[in-house]
């Protein structure tokens, strides 16, 4: 009976992780949409909803620690619970990056953009897909789905480097663009970090399923070499 109750509790925790992840996907999408569309209302919505993500992290952490104290899980279940505690930290940090992008929207609101925003929305699309795949991999403990994030992480890194080079050229050609170009580069950096955190989630899935640790960034570097 104790084991059955624990499995039910773990199932509910997974559902709460998924709910938090879906909200996180929305935050990433809306933060970049607010930037592209110069939508202050949407930016403020993202900022306000960050508190909801923070509360979700707190609630899941409290329930997870409660399971450790009351159910005394062993072996694989303990590995899953420890992983959940790590995952919610990464997810909360991704939400912070989305909030920072929304704040940049507000900072740049009155400025005409120095260029059309193309690659930044592309990074956001990939970031959302990475979060979705990482969550799917977690729910179903699917190693193959987790590993599919590696080429997506490589694409994120390539787009960041492309944006960096392009914005640097703007700054060199016209010093008046430096302030805005720096802010846009920060946006790309936030999205790149979201991708990094998503790969962390995928790495944790492999740890749950197989008990081994894999560094996706190291694998990506080997693929480039």
Protein backbone atom coordinates (compact mmCIF):
# COMPACT_ATOMS: atom_id res chain seq x y z
CA UNK A 1 0.00 0.00 0.00
CA UNK A 2 2.85 2.39 0.84
CA UNK A 3 4.51 1.70 -2.50
CA UNK A 4 1.22 2.23 -4.33
CA UNK A 5 0.62 5.53 -2.55
CA UNK A 6 4.14 6.66 -3.43
CA UNK A 7 3.61 5.89 -7.10
CA UNK A 8 0.36 7.88 -7.07
CA UNK A 9 2.14 10.81 -5.46
CA UNK A 10 4.94 10.64 -8.02
CA UNK A 11 2.38 10.59 -10.82
CA UNK A 12 0.78 13.74 -9.42
CA UNK A 13 4.19 15.40 -9.15
CA UNK A 14 4.86 14.63 -12.80
CA UNK A 15 1.55 16.23 -13.71
CA UNK A 16 2.49 19.36 -11.78
CA UNK A 17 5.87 19.49 -13.51
CA UNK A 18 4.06 19.27 -16.85
CA UNK A 19 1.69 22.09 -15.86
CA UNK A 20 4.63 24.26 -14.83
CA UNK A 21 6.37 23.45 -18.10
CA UNK A 22 3.39 24.40 -20.22
CA UNK A 23 3.21 27.77 -18.51
CA UNK A 24 6.95 28.14 -19.06
CA UNK A 25 6.52 27.52 -22.79
CA UNK A 26 3.89 30.26 -22.88
CA UNK A 27 6.19 32.65 -21.03
CA UNK A 28 8.98 32.15 -23.55
CA UNK A 29 6.60 32.58 -26.48
CA UNK A 30 4.89 35.67 -25.09
CA UNK A 31 8.12 37.37 -24.01
CA UNK A 32 9.54 37.27 -27.54
CA UNK A 33 6.18 38.06 -29.14
CA UNK A 34 5.95 41.14 -26.92
CA UNK A 35 9.39 42.17 -28.18
CA UNK A 36 8.62 41.63 -31.86
CA UNK A 37 5.19 43.28 -31.69
CA UNK A 38 6.20 46.00 -29.20
CA UNK A 39 3.33 44.85 -27.01
CA UNK A 40 3.66 46.38 -23.55
CA UNK A 41 0.55 44.65 -22.22
CA UNK A 42 1.95 41.25 -23.16
CA UNK A 43 5.35 42.12 -21.66
CA UNK A 44 3.72 43.13 -18.39
CA UNK A 45 1.69 39.93 -18.40
CA UNK A 46 4.89 37.89 -18.66
CA UNK A 47 6.43 39.82 -15.78
CA UNK A 48 3.34 39.39 -13.59
CA UNK A 49 3.05 35.65 -14.29
CA UNK A 50 6.62 35.00 -13.23
CA UNK A 51 5.35 34.99 -9.64
CA UNK A 52 3.09 32.08 -10.57
CA UNK A 53 6.09 30.09 -11.81
CA UNK A 54 7.92 30.89 -8.56
CA UNK A 55 4.93 29.65 -6.54
CA UNK A 56 4.76 26.45 -8.57
CA UNK A 57 8.44 25.80 -7.89
CA UNK A 58 7.87 26.32 -4.16
CA UNK A 59 4.81 24.05 -4.07
CA UNK A 60 6.49 21.22 -5.98
CA UNK A 61 9.61 21.48 -3.84
CA UNK A 62 7.52 21.30 -0.65
CA UNK A 63 5.62 18.23 -1.84
CA UNK A 64 8.79 16.54 -3.06
CA UNK A 65 10.61 17.04 0.23
CA UNK A 66 7.51 15.76 2.00
CA UNK A 67 7.69 12.53 0.03
CA UNK A 68 11.31 12.02 1.06
CA UNK A 69 10.45 12.55 4.71
CA UNK A 70 7.23 10.53 4.86
CA UNK A 71 7.62 7.80 2.23
CA UNK A 72 11.37 7.15 2.47
CA UNK A 73 11.72 6.25 -1.23
CA UNK A 74 14.51 3.97 -2.34
CA UNK A 75 16.59 3.37 -5.46
CA UNK A 76 14.89 4.52 -8.68
CA UNK A 77 12.08 6.43 -6.94
CA UNK A 78 14.60 8.38 -4.92
CA UNK A 79 16.49 9.15 -8.12
CA UNK A 80 13.29 10.49 -9.69
CA UNK A 81 12.50 12.65 -6.67
CA UNK A 82 16.02 14.08 -6.54
CA UNK A 83 15.79 14.84 -10.25
CA UNK A 84 12.48 16.67 -9.83
CA UNK A 85 14.12 18.95 -7.25
CA UNK A 86 16.81 19.82 -9.80
CA UNK A 87 14.38 20.21 -12.69
CA UNK A 88 12.22 22.83 -11.02
CA UNK A 89 15.31 24.97 -10.41
CA UNK A 90 16.16 24.91 -14.12
CA UNK A 91 12.56 25.64 -15.04
CA UNK A 92 12.33 28.60 -12.68
CA UNK A 93 15.54 30.01 -14.14
CA UNK A 94 14.15 29.67 -17.67
CA UNK A 95 11.12 31.65 -16.54
CA UNK A 96 13.45 34.33 -15.17
CA UNK A 97 15.06 34.60 -18.60
CA UNK A 98 11.62 35.07 -20.19
CA UNK A 99 10.86 37.80 -17.66
CA UNK A 100 14.15 39.53 -18.48
CA UNK A 101 13.24 39.51 -22.19
CA UNK A 102 9.89 41.11 -21.35
CA UNK A 103 11.69 43.85 -19.42
CA UNK A 104 13.89 44.49 -22.46
CA UNK A 105 10.68 44.86 -24.51
CA UNK A 106 9.68 47.70 -22.19
CA UNK A 107 13.14 49.28 -22.33
CA UNK A 108 13.16 49.30 -26.15
CA UNK A 109 9.50 50.19 -26.64
CA UNK A 110 10.00 53.72 -27.94
CA UNK A 111 12.94 52.87 -30.21
CA UNK A 112 12.57 51.80 -33.85
CA UNK A 113 14.44 48.54 -34.27
CA UNK A 114 17.76 48.77 -36.07
CA UNK A 115 16.87 45.60 -37.98
CA UNK A 116 13.97 43.26 -38.51
CA UNK A 117 13.86 40.59 -35.80
CA UNK A 118 14.11 37.25 -37.56
CA UNK A 119 16.63 35.02 -35.80
CA UNK A 120 15.49 35.92 -32.28
CA UNK A 121 11.94 34.58 -32.89
CA UNK A 122 13.53 31.52 -34.47
CA UNK A 123 15.55 30.95 -31.30
CA UNK A 124 12.36 31.32 -29.26
CA UNK A 125 10.59 28.71 -31.42
CA UNK A 126 13.44 26.26 -30.90
CA UNK A 127 13.55 27.01 -27.19
CA UNK A 128 9.84 26.27 -26.81
CA UNK A 129 10.22 23.02 -28.75
CA UNK A 130 13.18 22.03 -26.58
CA UNK A 131 11.13 22.59 -23.43
CA UNK A 132 8.23 20.57 -24.87
CA UNK A 133 10.47 17.67 -25.91
CA UNK A 134 12.32 17.67 -22.58
CA UNK A 135 9.00 17.51 -20.71
CA UNK A 136 7.69 14.75 -22.97
CA UNK A 137 10.91 12.83 -22.41
CA UNK A 138 10.48 13.28 -18.65
CA UNK A 139 6.83 12.21 -18.51
CA UNK A 140 7.45 9.06 -20.57
CA UNK A 141 11.08 8.58 -19.47
CA UNK A 142 12.05 8.36 -23.12
CA UNK A 143 15.80 8.50 -23.69
CA UNK A 144 15.44 8.87 -27.47
CA UNK A 145 13.32 11.98 -27.09
CA UNK A 146 15.81 13.38 -24.61
CA UNK A 147 18.70 12.80 -27.00
CA UNK A 148 16.82 14.62 -29.78
CA UNK A 149 17.62 17.89 -28.01
CA UNK A 150 21.30 17.70 -28.96
CA UNK A 151 20.93 18.96 -32.59
CA UNK A 152 18.45 21.57 -31.38
CA UNK A 153 20.99 22.84 -28.86
CA UNK A 154 23.57 23.04 -31.66
CA UNK A 155 21.13 25.09 -33.76
CA UNK A 156 20.50 27.44 -30.85
CA UNK A 157 24.23 28.01 -30.40
CA UNK A 158 24.69 28.63 -34.12
CA UNK A 159 21.88 31.18 -34.18
CA UNK A 160 23.31 32.98 -31.17
CA UNK A 161 26.71 33.23 -32.85
CA UNK A 162 25.05 34.52 -36.03
CA UNK A 163 23.12 37.16 -34.10
CA UNK A 164 26.26 38.17 -32.23
CA UNK A 165 28.22 38.68 -35.44
CA UNK A 166 25.40 40.62 -37.08
CA UNK A 167 24.80 42.93 -34.13
CA UNK A 168 28.52 43.48 -33.69
CA UNK A 169 28.72 44.67 -37.29
CA UNK A 170 25.90 47.16 -36.63
CA UNK A 171 27.74 48.51 -33.59
CA UNK A 172 31.00 48.88 -35.50
CA UNK A 173 29.33 50.67 -38.40
CA UNK A 174 27.27 53.04 -36.28
CA UNK A 175 28.02 53.65 -32.58
CA UNK A 176 24.48 55.01 -32.14
CA UNK A 177 23.19 51.43 -32.41
CA UNK A 178 25.32 50.14 -29.54
CA UNK A 179 22.71 50.48 -26.78
CA UNK A 180 19.92 48.73 -28.67
CA UNK A 181 22.20 46.14 -30.22
CA UNK A 182 23.48 45.27 -26.76
CA UNK A 183 19.92 44.79 -25.49
CA UNK A 184 19.04 42.57 -28.45
CA UNK A 185 22.19 40.56 -27.86
CA UNK A 186 21.06 40.10 -24.26
CA UNK A 187 17.75 38.74 -25.57
CA UNK A 188 19.61 36.20 -27.71
CA UNK A 189 21.73 35.31 -24.69
CA UNK A 190 18.64 34.71 -22.56
CA UNK A 191 17.23 32.40 -25.24
CA UNK A 192 20.52 30.55 -25.55
CA UNK A 193 20.49 30.00 -21.78
CA UNK A 194 16.91 28.72 -21.99
CA UNK A 195 18.19 26.14 -24.45
CA UNK A 196 20.97 25.18 -22.05
CA UNK A 197 18.50 24.68 -19.22
CA UNK A 198 16.27 22.57 -21.48
CA UNK A 199 19.22 20.29 -22.24
CA UNK A 200 19.78 20.01 -18.49
CA UNK A 201 16.24 18.67 -18.19
CA UNK A 202 16.93 16.14 -20.94
CA UNK A 203 20.15 15.04 -19.25
CA UNK A 204 18.17 14.39 -16.08
CA UNK A 205 15.73 12.16 -17.98
CA UNK A 206 18.61 9.91 -18.97
CA UNK A 207 19.74 9.84 -15.35
CA UNK A 208 16.25 8.76 -14.24
CA UNK A 209 15.90 6.10 -16.92
CA UNK A 210 19.42 4.68 -16.98
CA UNK A 211 21.22 6.00 -13.90
CA UNK A 212 23.99 7.55 -16.00
CA UNK A 213 24.98 11.15 -16.56
CA UNK A 214 25.56 12.57 -20.05
CA UNK A 215 26.85 16.04 -20.85
CA UNK A 216 24.94 17.19 -23.94
CA UNK A 217 27.20 20.18 -24.41
CA UNK A 218 30.20 17.88 -24.56
CA UNK A 219 28.44 15.68 -27.12
CA UNK A 220 27.56 18.76 -29.18
CA UNK A 221 31.21 19.87 -29.14
CA UNK A 222 32.30 16.44 -30.33
CA UNK A 223 29.73 16.58 -33.13
CA UNK A 224 31.14 19.94 -34.26
CA UNK A 225 34.69 18.61 -34.17
